[in-house]
Amino acid sequence: MSDATDEIWRKATRSQGAHNCVEVALTRSTTAIRDSKAPEAGHLTANSTQWSAFLNALKSGMLDG
């Protein structure tokens, strides 16, 4: 797995420069996720199966609370 700290981190264009967003970086084999307010705190990684399941859960409303 490549070190996600060296990757290009992106956040949603709808965040309009806000600093309380989730940032995402794609590596060769994983998707990395971090908090834009505290990038030095580290990141989570998910393989393609995990990331796809997470996105599907978001889109379906399963994570609405």
PDB file of N, CA and C in Angstrom:
ATOM      1  N   MET A   1       0.853  -1.175   0.000  1.00  0.00           N
ATOM      2  CA  MET A   1       0.000   0.000   0.000  1.00  0.00           C
ATOM      3  C   MET A   1       0.890   1.226   0.000  1.00  0.00           C
ATOM      4  N   SER A   2       0.592   2.181  -0.832  1.00  0.00           N
ATOM      5  CA  SER A   2       1.375   3.415  -0.835  1.00  0.00           C
ATOM      6  C   SER A   2       0.964   4.278   0.345  1.00  0.00           C
ATOM      7  N   ASP A   3       1.852   5.161   0.747  1.00  0.00           N
ATOM      8  CA  ASP A   3       1.584   6.060   1.864  1.00  0.00           C
ATOM      9  C   ASP A   3       0.646   7.160   1.395  1.00  0.00           C
ATOM     10  N   ALA A   4      -0.552   7.191   1.938  1.00  0.00           N
ATOM     11  CA  ALA A   4      -1.564   8.155   1.492  1.00  0.00           C
ATOM     12  C   ALA A   4      -1.169   9.593   1.784  1.00  0.00           C
ATOM     13  N   THR A   5      -0.221   9.809   2.684  1.00  0.00           N
ATOM     14  CA  THR A   5       0.182  11.185   2.973  1.00  0.00           C
ATOM     15  C   THR A   5       0.839  11.821   1.763  1.00  0.00           C
ATOM     16  N   ASP A   6       1.345  11.003   0.843  1.00  0.00           N
ATOM     17  CA  ASP A   6       1.984  11.514  -0.368  1.00  0.00           C
ATOM     18  C   ASP A   6       1.009  11.696  -1.520  1.00  0.00           C
ATOM     19  N   GLU A   7      -0.218  11.301  -1.339  1.00  0.00           N
ATOM     20  CA  GLU A   7      -1.214  11.367  -2.402  1.00  0.00           C
ATOM     21  C   GLU A   7      -1.869  12.748  -2.461  1.00  0.00           C
ATOM     22  N   ILE A   8      -2.627  12.964  -3.509  1.00  0.00           N
ATOM     23  CA  ILE A   8      -3.378  14.214  -3.671  1.00  0.00           C
ATOM     24  C   ILE A   8      -4.720  14.054  -2.966  1.00  0.00           C
ATOM     25  N   TRP A   9      -4.947  14.892  -1.974  1.00  0.00           N
ATOM     26  CA  TRP A   9      -6.187  14.851  -1.206  1.00  0.00           C
ATOM     27  C   TRP A   9      -7.216  15.776  -1.845  1.00  0.00           C
ATOM     28  N   ARG A  10      -8.466  15.298  -1.939  1.00  0.00           N
ATOM     29  CA  ARG A  10      -9.548  16.074  -2.542  1.00  0.00           C
ATOM     30  C   ARG A  10     -10.717  16.161  -1.580  1.00  0.00           C
ATOM     31  N   LYS A  11     -11.477  17.230  -1.705  1.00  0.00           N
ATOM     32  CA  LYS A  11     -12.741  17.326  -0.974  1.00  0.00           C
ATOM     33  C   LYS A  11     -13.801  17.831  -1.938  1.00  0.00           C
ATOM     34  N   ALA A  12     -15.037  17.691  -1.562  1.00  0.00           N
ATOM     35  CA  ALA A  12     -16.149  18.054  -2.434  1.00  0.00           C
ATOM     36  C   ALA A  12     -16.078  19.520  -2.832  1.00  0.00           C
ATOM     37  N   THR A  13     -16.359  19.802  -4.085  1.00  0.00           N
ATOM     38  CA  THR A  13     -16.371  21.187  -4.547  1.00  0.00           C
ATOM     39  C   THR A  13     -17.470  21.979  -3.856  1.00  0.00           C
ATOM     40  N   ARG A  14     -18.505  21.309  -3.395  1.00  0.00           N
ATOM     41  CA  ARG A  14     -19.597  21.992  -2.684  1.00  0.00           C
ATOM     42  C   ARG A  14     -19.180  22.485  -1.302  1.00  0.00           C
ATOM     43  N   SER A  15     -18.019  22.064  -0.836  1.00  0.00           N
ATOM     44  CA  SER A  15     -17.566  22.518   0.485  1.00  0.00           C
ATOM     45  C   SER A  15     -17.176  23.990   0.469  1.00  0.00           C
ATOM     46  N   GLN A  16     -16.957  24.545  -0.702  1.00  0.00           N
ATOM     47  CA  GLN A  16     -16.690  25.973  -0.899  1.00  0.00           C
ATOM     48  C   GLN A  16     -15.610  26.509   0.035  1.00  0.00           C
ATOM     49  N   GLY A  17     -14.518  25.786   0.137  1.00  0.00           N
ATOM     50  CA  GLY A  17     -13.394  26.258   0.934  1.00  0.00           C
ATOM     51  C   GLY A  17     -13.529  26.042   2.423  1.00  0.00           C
ATOM     52  N   ALA A  18     -14.588  25.379   2.860  1.00  0.00           N
ATOM     53  CA  ALA A  18     -14.764  25.116   4.292  1.00  0.00           C
ATOM     54  C   ALA A  18     -13.653  24.192   4.787  1.00  0.00           C
ATOM     55  N   HIS A  19     -13.364  24.275   6.065  1.00  0.00           N
ATOM     56  CA  HIS A  19     -12.279  23.466   6.618  1.00  0.00           C
ATOM     57  C   HIS A  19     -12.780  22.336   7.505  1.00  0.00           C
ATOM     58  N   ASN A  20     -14.051  22.047   7.464  1.00  0.00           N
ATOM     59  CA  ASN A  20     -14.589  20.944   8.257  1.00  0.00           C
ATOM     60  C   ASN A  20     -15.192  19.900   7.333  1.00  0.00           C
ATOM     61  N   CYS A  21     -14.350  19.351   6.495  1.00  0.00           N
ATOM     62  CA  CYS A  21     -14.793  18.426   5.463  1.00  0.00           C
ATOM     63  C   CYS A  21     -14.038  17.108   5.570  1.00  0.00           C
ATOM     64  N   VAL A  22     -14.564  16.124   4.904  1.00  0.00           N
ATOM     65  CA  VAL A  22     -13.861  14.865   4.729  1.00  0.00           C
ATOM     66  C   VAL A  22     -13.055  14.985   3.446  1.00  0.00           C
ATOM     67  N   GLU A  23     -11.789  14.594   3.500  1.00  0.00           N
ATOM     68  CA  GLU A  23     -10.939  14.584   2.313  1.00  0.00           C
ATOM     69  C   GLU A  23     -10.671  13.137   1.922  1.00  0.00           C
ATOM     70  N   VAL A  24     -10.525  12.908   0.626  1.00  0.00           N
ATOM     71  CA  VAL A  24     -10.316  11.570   0.090  1.00  0.00           C
ATOM     72  C   VAL A  24      -9.092  11.580  -0.814  1.00  0.00           C
ATOM     73  N   ALA A  25      -8.284  10.528  -0.711  1.00  0.00           N
ATOM     74  CA  ALA A  25      -7.137  10.347  -1.607  1.00  0.00           C
ATOM     75  C   ALA A  25      -7.176   8.917  -2.134  1.00  0.00           C
ATOM     76  N   LEU A  26      -6.938   8.768  -3.408  1.00  0.00           N
ATOM     77  CA  LEU A  26      -6.909   7.444  -4.020  1.00  0.00           C
ATOM     78  C   LEU A  26      -5.470   6.990  -4.154  1.00  0.00           C
ATOM     79  N   THR A  27      -5.184   5.781  -3.669  1.00  0.00           N
ATOM     80  CA  THR A  27      -3.877   5.178  -3.879  1.00  0.00           C
ATOM     81  C   THR A  27      -4.060   4.056  -4.885  1.00  0.00           C
ATOM     82  N   ARG A  28      -3.024   3.349  -5.150  1.00  0.00           N
ATOM     83  CA  ARG A  28      -3.107   2.264  -6.128  1.00  0.00           C
ATOM     84  C   ARG A  28      -4.106   1.188  -5.698  1.00  0.00           C
ATOM     85  N   SER A  29      -4.157   0.910  -4.398  1.00  0.00           N
ATOM     86  CA  SER A  29      -4.995  -0.199  -3.943  1.00  0.00           C
ATOM     87  C   SER A  29      -6.048   0.176  -2.904  1.00  0.00           C
ATOM     88  N   THR A  30      -6.062   1.422  -2.456  1.00  0.00           N
ATOM     89  CA  THR A  30      -7.001   1.802  -1.405  1.00  0.00           C
ATOM     90  C   THR A  30      -7.548   3.204  -1.625  1.00  0.00           C
ATOM     91  N   THR A  31      -8.567   3.510  -0.868  1.00  0.00           N
ATOM     92  CA  THR A  31      -9.073   4.869  -0.743  1.00  0.00           C
ATOM     93  C   THR A  31      -8.769   5.305   0.680  1.00  0.00           C
ATOM     94  N   ALA A  32      -8.170   6.471   0.829  1.00  0.00           N
ATOM     95  CA  ALA A  32      -7.844   6.997   2.153  1.00  0.00           C
ATOM     96  C   ALA A  32      -8.793   8.146   2.473  1.00  0.00           C
ATOM     97  N   ILE A  33      -9.189   8.232   3.732  1.00  0.00           N
ATOM     98  CA  ILE A  33     -10.153   9.242   4.175  1.00  0.00           C
ATOM     99  C   ILE A  33      -9.590   9.925   5.413  1.00  0.00           C
ATOM    100  N   ARG A  34      -9.685  11.273   5.455  1.00  0.00           N
ATOM    101  CA  ARG A  34      -9.217  12.000   6.640  1.00  0.00           C
ATOM    102  C   ARG A  34     -10.087  13.227   6.881  1.00  0.00           C
ATOM    103  N   ASP A  35      -9.936  13.796   8.057  1.00  0.00           N
ATOM    104  CA  ASP A  35     -10.643  15.005   8.470  1.00  0.00           C
ATOM    105  C   ASP A  35      -9.813  16.209   8.040  1.00  0.00           C
ATOM    106  N   SER A  36     -10.394  17.114   7.263  1.00  0.00           N
ATOM    107  CA  SER A  36      -9.637  18.272   6.771  1.00  0.00           C
ATOM    108  C   SER A  36      -9.210  19.210   7.895  1.00  0.00           C
ATOM    109  N   LYS A  37      -9.905  19.172   9.037  1.00  0.00           N
ATOM    110  CA  LYS A  37      -9.533  20.026  10.170  1.00  0.00           C
ATOM    111  C   LYS A  37      -8.277  19.520  10.864  1.00  0.00           C
ATOM    112  N   ALA A  38      -7.980  18.228  10.735  1.00  0.00           N
ATOM    113  CA  ALA A  38      -6.856  17.637  11.459  1.00  0.00           C
ATOM    114  C   ALA A  38      -6.135  16.591  10.612  1.00  0.00           C
ATOM    115  N   PRO A  39      -5.568  16.993   9.482  1.00  0.00           N
ATOM    116  CA  PRO A  39      -4.906  16.011   8.626  1.00  0.00           C
ATOM    117  C   PRO A  39      -3.732  15.311   9.307  1.00  0.00           C
ATOM    118  N   GLU A  40      -3.131  15.982  10.281  1.00  0.00           N
ATOM    119  CA  GLU A  40      -1.997  15.387  10.987  1.00  0.00           C
ATOM    120  C   GLU A  40      -2.428  14.246  11.911  1.00  0.00           C
ATOM    121  N   ALA A  41      -3.727  14.117  12.145  1.00  0.00           N
ATOM    122  CA  ALA A  41      -4.242  13.064  13.021  1.00  0.00           C
ATOM    123  C   ALA A  41      -4.265  11.702  12.342  1.00  0.00           C
ATOM    124  N   GLY A  42      -3.973  11.658  11.059  1.00  0.00           N
ATOM    125  CA  GLY A  42      -3.943  10.394  10.341  1.00  0.00           C
ATOM    126  C   GLY A  42      -5.152  10.209   9.444  1.00  0.00           C
ATOM    127  N   HIS A  43      -5.277   9.018   8.919  1.00  0.00           N
ATOM    128  CA  HIS A  43      -6.350   8.727   7.977  1.00  0.00           C
ATOM    129  C   HIS A  43      -6.786   7.275   8.112  1.00  0.00           C
ATOM    130  N   LEU A  44      -7.951   6.989   7.581  1.00  0.00           N
ATOM    131  CA  LEU A  44      -8.471   5.633   7.481  1.00  0.00           C
ATOM    132  C   LEU A  44      -8.282   5.169   6.053  1.00  0.00           C
ATOM    133  N   THR A  45      -8.145   3.872   5.854  1.00  0.00           N
ATOM    134  CA  THR A  45      -8.070   3.345   4.498  1.00  0.00           C
ATOM    135  C   THR A  45      -9.133   2.267   4.308  1.00  0.00           C
ATOM    136  N   ALA A  46      -9.581   2.150   3.081  1.00  0.00           N
ATOM    137  CA  ALA A  46     -10.557   1.128   2.720  1.00  0.00           C
ATOM    138  C   ALA A  46     -10.170   0.552   1.368  1.00  0.00           C
ATOM    139  N   ASN A  47     -10.299  -0.766   1.221  1.00  0.00           N
ATOM    140  CA  ASN A  47     -10.054  -1.349  -0.097  1.00  0.00           C
ATOM    141  C   ASN A  47     -11.272  -1.072  -0.977  1.00  0.00           C
ATOM    142  N   SER A  48     -11.210  -1.474  -2.218  1.00  0.00           N
ATOM    143  CA  SER A  48     -12.283  -1.111  -3.155  1.00  0.00           C
ATOM    144  C   SER A  48     -13.630  -1.707  -2.752  1.00  0.00           C
ATOM    145  N   THR A  49     -13.638  -2.908  -2.207  1.00  0.00           N
ATOM    146  CA  THR A  49     -14.888  -3.531  -1.770  1.00  0.00           C
ATOM    147  C   THR A  49     -15.491  -2.768  -0.598  1.00  0.00           C
ATOM    148  N   GLN A  50     -14.657  -2.423   0.371  1.00  0.00           N
ATOM    149  CA  GLN A  50     -15.126  -1.676   1.538  1.00  0.00           C
ATOM    150  C   GLN A  50     -15.630  -0.290   1.146  1.00  0.00           C
ATOM    151  N   TRP A  51     -14.886   0.400   0.290  1.00  0.00           N
ATOM    152  CA  TRP A  51     -15.266   1.751  -0.129  1.00  0.00           C
ATOM    153  C   TRP A  51     -16.587   1.722  -0.895  1.00  0.00           C
ATOM    154  N   SER A  52     -16.743   0.746  -1.771  1.00  0.00           N
ATOM    155  CA  SER A  52     -17.983   0.617  -2.536  1.00  0.00           C
ATOM    156  C   SER A  52     -19.171   0.353  -1.605  1.00  0.00           C
ATOM    157  N   ALA A  53     -18.993  -0.515  -0.627  1.00  0.00           N
ATOM    158  CA  ALA A  53     -20.068  -0.804   0.327  1.00  0.00           C
ATOM    159  C   ALA A  53     -20.424   0.442   1.133  1.00  0.00           C
ATOM    160  N   PHE A  54     -19.417   1.210   1.535  1.00  0.00           N
ATOM    161  CA  PHE A  54     -19.654   2.446   2.280  1.00  0.00           C
ATOM    162  C   PHE A  54     -20.447   3.444   1.440  1.00  0.00           C
ATOM    163  N   LEU A  55     -20.033   3.650   0.195  1.00  0.00           N
ATOM    164  CA  LEU A  55     -20.744   4.584  -0.680  1.00  0.00           C
ATOM    165  C   LEU A  55     -22.177   4.136  -0.934  1.00  0.00           C
ATOM    166  N   ASN A  56     -22.378   2.841  -1.138  1.00  0.00           N
ATOM    167  CA  ASN A  56     -23.737   2.325  -1.347  1.00  0.00           C
ATOM    168  C   ASN A  56     -24.608   2.559  -0.117  1.00  0.00           C
ATOM    169  N   ALA A  57     -24.039   2.373   1.074  1.00  0.00           N
ATOM    170  CA  ALA A  57     -24.790   2.613   2.310  1.00  0.00           C
ATOM    171  C   ALA A  57     -25.154   4.087   2.438  1.00  0.00           C
ATOM    172  N   LEU A  58     -24.227   4.969   2.086  1.00  0.00           N
ATOM    173  CA  LEU A  58     -24.515   6.407   2.120  1.00  0.00           C
ATOM    174  C   LEU A  58     -25.649   6.765   1.173  1.00  0.00           C
ATOM    175  N   LYS A  59     -25.534   6.286  -0.059  1.00  0.00           N
ATOM    176  CA  LYS A  59     -26.518   6.622  -1.083  1.00  0.00           C
ATOM    177  C   LYS A  59     -27.904   6.071  -0.763  1.00  0.00           C
ATOM    178  N   SER A  60     -27.957   4.928  -0.104  1.00  0.00           N
ATOM    179  CA  SER A  60     -29.251   4.309   0.199  1.00  0.00           C
ATOM    180  C   SER A  60     -29.920   4.905   1.432  1.00  0.00           C
ATOM    181  N   GLY A  61     -29.180   5.718   2.179  1.00  0.00           N
ATOM    182  CA  GLY A  61     -29.737   6.311   3.388  1.00  0.00           C
ATOM    183  C   GLY A  61     -29.561   5.458   4.630  1.00  0.00           C
ATOM    184  N   MET A  62     -28.869   4.329   4.510  1.00  0.00           N
ATOM    185  CA  MET A  62     -28.677   3.439   5.651  1.00  0.00           C
ATOM    186  C   MET A  62     -27.936   4.108   6.808  1.00  0.00           C
ATOM    187  N   LEU A  63     -27.165   5.134   6.527  1.00  0.00           N
ATOM    188  CA  LEU A  63     -26.367   5.783   7.568  1.00  0.00           C
ATOM    189  C   LEU A  63     -26.994   7.068   8.083  1.00  0.00           C
ATOM    190  N   ASP A  64     -28.185   7.376   7.582  1.00  0.00           N
ATOM    191  CA  ASP A  64     -28.876   8.578   8.061  1.00  0.00           C
ATOM    192  C   ASP A  64     -29.262   8.382   9.522  1.00  0.00           C
ATOM    193  N   GLY A  65     -29.042   9.384  10.299  1.00  0.00           N
ATOM    194  CA  GLY A  65     -29.365   9.212  11.715  1.00  0.00           C
ATOM    195  C   GLY A  65     -30.013  10.351  12.242  1.00  0.00           C
TER     196      GLY A  65
END
